[in-house]
Amino acid sequence: MLRRSTLLAAGLLLSACSKEDPQAQFPTVDLHGRLVVDQAMTDSRQAQGIQGDYYKRVLNVNGQDMAFADFIKQYCPDTNTRNETCLKAFRIKKIDDVSGATKFLPNGL
């Protein structure tokens, strides 16, 4: 009888703990977005003698334009996430950080 009541109490405690905070609805977004010239970075690079435009990625999230970096900050703050969209976003960010956004991404991104 004591074991049964202990198991029942433990089960009730565990069921109360399993309620997770509801997460905000994650938007469906095309991570490729569109590329726009980052004029400040272009000017900075041209001052260093590097010719050509520097591009940044802009996404359409819920009908509004959002910079790619802002999307990652807002929707993917945890780098240890298992969210597939965030994982792809982190991979794209690594590529874009090298020399600006590019429309040529590896297959699967």
C-alpha atoms as a PDB file:
ATOM      1  CA  MET A   1       0.000   0.000   0.000  1.00  0.00           C
ATOM      2  CA  LEU A   2       2.827   2.385   0.848  1.00  0.00           C
ATOM      3  CA  ARG A   3       4.560   1.613  -2.460  1.00  0.00           C
ATOM      4  CA  ARG A   4       1.399   2.188  -4.396  1.00  0.00           C
ATOM      5  CA  SER A   5       0.745   5.572  -2.796  1.00  0.00           C
ATOM      6  CA  THR A   6       4.407   6.578  -3.307  1.00  0.00           C
ATOM      7  CA  LEU A   7       4.209   5.668  -6.982  1.00  0.00           C
ATOM      8  CA  LEU A   8       0.930   7.536  -7.331  1.00  0.00           C
ATOM      9  CA  ALA A   9       2.383  10.656  -5.696  1.00  0.00           C
ATOM     10  CA  ALA A  10       5.509  10.459  -7.869  1.00  0.00           C
ATOM     11  CA  GLY A  11       3.361  10.094 -10.989  1.00  0.00           C
ATOM     12  CA  LEU A  12       1.288  13.129 -10.070  1.00  0.00           C
ATOM     13  CA  LEU A  13       4.413  15.201  -9.446  1.00  0.00           C
ATOM     14  CA  LEU A  14       5.938  14.170 -12.771  1.00  0.00           C
ATOM     15  CA  SER A  15       2.763  14.911 -14.677  1.00  0.00           C
ATOM     16  CA  ALA A  16       2.684  18.410 -13.182  1.00  0.00           C
ATOM     17  CA  CYS A  17       6.293  18.987 -14.257  1.00  0.00           C
ATOM     18  CA  SER A  18       5.774  17.882 -17.846  1.00  0.00           C
ATOM     19  CA  LYS A  19       3.741  20.947 -18.798  1.00  0.00           C
ATOM     20  CA  GLU A  20       6.083  22.923 -21.021  1.00  0.00           C
ATOM     21  CA  ASP A  21       5.797  26.583 -21.785  1.00  0.00           C
ATOM     22  CA  PRO A  22       3.978  27.082 -25.054  1.00  0.00           C
ATOM     23  CA  GLN A  23       6.477  28.289 -27.627  1.00  0.00           C
ATOM     24  CA  ALA A  24       5.714  31.089 -29.992  1.00  0.00           C
ATOM     25  CA  GLN A  25       4.492  29.960 -33.378  1.00  0.00           C
ATOM     26  CA  PHE A  26       7.552  29.496 -35.572  1.00  0.00           C
ATOM     27  CA  PRO A  27       7.012  31.193 -38.934  1.00  0.00           C
ATOM     28  CA  THR A  28       7.292  29.442 -42.252  1.00  0.00           C
ATOM     29  CA  VAL A  29       9.991  31.334 -44.078  1.00  0.00           C
ATOM     30  CA  ASP A  30      12.139  30.976 -47.191  1.00  0.00           C
ATOM     31  CA  LEU A  31      15.658  31.296 -45.787  1.00  0.00           C
ATOM     32  CA  HIS A  32      17.067  32.266 -49.176  1.00  0.00           C
ATOM     33  CA  GLY A  33      15.166  35.533 -49.021  1.00  0.00           C
ATOM     34  CA  ARG A  34      16.374  38.223 -51.340  1.00  0.00           C
ATOM     35  CA  LEU A  35      19.773  39.859 -51.544  1.00  0.00           C
ATOM     36  CA  VAL A  36      20.165  43.611 -51.131  1.00  0.00           C
ATOM     37  CA  VAL A  37      23.303  45.732 -51.178  1.00  0.00           C
ATOM     38  CA  ASP A  38      24.594  46.555 -47.685  1.00  0.00           C
ATOM     39  CA  GLN A  39      25.787  50.052 -48.516  1.00  0.00           C
ATOM     40  CA  ALA A  40      27.608  50.672 -45.225  1.00  0.00           C
ATOM     41  CA  MET A  41      29.638  47.470 -45.556  1.00  0.00           C
ATOM     42  CA  THR A  42      30.252  48.092 -49.264  1.00  0.00           C
ATOM     43  CA  ASP A  43      31.643  51.566 -48.492  1.00  0.00           C
ATOM     44  CA  SER A  44      33.808  50.153 -45.710  1.00  0.00           C
ATOM     45  CA  ARG A  45      35.242  47.457 -47.976  1.00  0.00           C
ATOM     46  CA  GLN A  46      35.863  49.905 -50.819  1.00  0.00           C
ATOM     47  CA  ALA A  47      37.811  52.117 -48.413  1.00  0.00           C
ATOM     48  CA  GLN A  48      40.036  49.055 -47.833  1.00  0.00           C
ATOM     49  CA  GLY A  49      40.517  48.630 -51.582  1.00  0.00           C
ATOM     50  CA  ILE A  50      38.042  45.751 -52.049  1.00  0.00           C
ATOM     51  CA  GLN A  51      35.896  46.384 -55.113  1.00  0.00           C
ATOM     52  CA  GLY A  52      32.375  45.100 -55.596  1.00  0.00           C
ATOM     53  CA  ASP A  53      29.135  45.220 -53.682  1.00  0.00           C
ATOM     54  CA  TYR A  54      28.582  43.503 -50.329  1.00  0.00           C
ATOM     55  CA  TYR A  55      25.160  41.876 -50.073  1.00  0.00           C
ATOM     56  CA  LYS A  56      22.985  41.025 -47.107  1.00  0.00           C
ATOM     57  CA  ARG A  57      20.047  38.649 -46.945  1.00  0.00           C
ATOM     58  CA  VAL A  58      16.551  39.984 -46.222  1.00  0.00           C
ATOM     59  CA  LEU A  59      13.715  37.579 -45.385  1.00  0.00           C
ATOM     60  CA  ASN A  60       9.968  37.999 -45.619  1.00  0.00           C
ATOM     61  CA  VAL A  61       8.604  36.883 -42.244  1.00  0.00           C
ATOM     62  CA  ASN A  62       4.849  37.089 -41.691  1.00  0.00           C
ATOM     63  CA  GLY A  63       4.539  39.667 -44.461  1.00  0.00           C
ATOM     64  CA  GLN A  64       7.294  41.936 -43.131  1.00  0.00           C
ATOM     65  CA  ASP A  65      10.912  42.315 -44.242  1.00  0.00           C
ATOM     66  CA  MET A  66      13.467  41.240 -41.667  1.00  0.00           C
ATOM     67  CA  ALA A  67      17.239  41.142 -41.855  1.00  0.00           C
ATOM     68  CA  PHE A  68      18.629  37.607 -41.722  1.00  0.00           C
ATOM     69  CA  ALA A  69      20.662  38.371 -38.580  1.00  0.00           C
ATOM     70  CA  ASP A  70      17.558  39.727 -36.840  1.00  0.00           C
ATOM     71  CA  PHE A  71      15.630  36.580 -37.777  1.00  0.00           C
ATOM     72  CA  ILE A  72      18.283  34.415 -36.145  1.00  0.00           C
ATOM     73  CA  LYS A  73      18.343  36.578 -33.007  1.00  0.00           C
ATOM     74  CA  GLN A  74      14.578  36.494 -32.644  1.00  0.00           C
ATOM     75  CA  TYR A  75      13.630  32.968 -33.688  1.00  0.00           C
ATOM     76  CA  CYS A  76      16.832  30.959 -33.141  1.00  0.00           C
ATOM     77  CA  PRO A  77      18.479  32.284 -29.967  1.00  0.00           C
ATOM     78  CA  ASP A  78      19.596  28.804 -28.845  1.00  0.00           C
ATOM     79  CA  THR A  79      22.495  27.439 -30.897  1.00  0.00           C
ATOM     80  CA  ASN A  80      21.757  23.938 -29.565  1.00  0.00           C
ATOM     81  CA  THR A  81      18.290  23.858 -31.104  1.00  0.00           C
ATOM     82  CA  ARG A  82      16.909  20.904 -33.011  1.00  0.00           C
ATOM     83  CA  ASN A  83      14.641  23.037 -35.151  1.00  0.00           C
ATOM     84  CA  GLU A  84      15.439  22.221 -38.781  1.00  0.00           C
ATOM     85  CA  THR A  85      14.854  25.771 -39.992  1.00  0.00           C
ATOM     86  CA  CYS A  86      17.251  27.162 -37.375  1.00  0.00           C
ATOM     87  CA  LEU A  87      19.880  24.569 -38.236  1.00  0.00           C
ATOM     88  CA  LYS A  88      19.700  25.591 -41.892  1.00  0.00           C
ATOM     89  CA  ALA A  89      19.771  29.269 -40.910  1.00  0.00           C
ATOM     90  CA  PHE A  90      22.974  28.737 -38.899  1.00  0.00           C
ATOM     91  CA  ARG A  91      24.609  26.997 -41.859  1.00  0.00           C
ATOM     92  CA  ILE A  92      23.593  29.790 -44.231  1.00  0.00           C
ATOM     93  CA  LYS A  93      24.867  32.384 -41.748  1.00  0.00           C
ATOM     94  CA  LYS A  94      28.296  30.722 -41.666  1.00  0.00           C
ATOM     95  CA  ILE A  95      28.476  30.917 -45.456  1.00  0.00           C
ATOM     96  CA  ASP A  96      27.228  34.515 -45.593  1.00  0.00           C
ATOM     97  CA  ASP A  97      29.645  35.671 -42.883  1.00  0.00           C
ATOM     98  CA  VAL A  98      32.644  34.853 -45.072  1.00  0.00           C
ATOM     99  CA  SER A  99      32.132  37.492 -47.754  1.00  0.00           C
ATOM    100  CA  GLY A 100      28.501  38.533 -47.740  1.00  0.00           C
ATOM    101  CA  ALA A 101      25.288  36.871 -48.771  1.00  0.00           C
ATOM    102  CA  THR A 102      25.403  34.730 -51.860  1.00  0.00           C
ATOM    103  CA  LYS A 103      22.669  33.223 -53.982  1.00  0.00           C
ATOM    104  CA  PHE A 104      24.797  30.132 -54.561  1.00  0.00           C
ATOM    105  CA  LEU A 105      24.136  27.870 -51.579  1.00  0.00           C
ATOM    106  CA  PRO A 106      24.911  24.161 -51.253  1.00  0.00           C
ATOM    107  CA  ASN A 107      22.192  21.629 -51.997  1.00  0.00           C
ATOM    108  CA  GLY A 108      19.805  21.154 -49.110  1.00  0.00           C
ATOM    109  CA  LEU A 109      19.924  24.718 -47.862  1.00  0.00           C
END
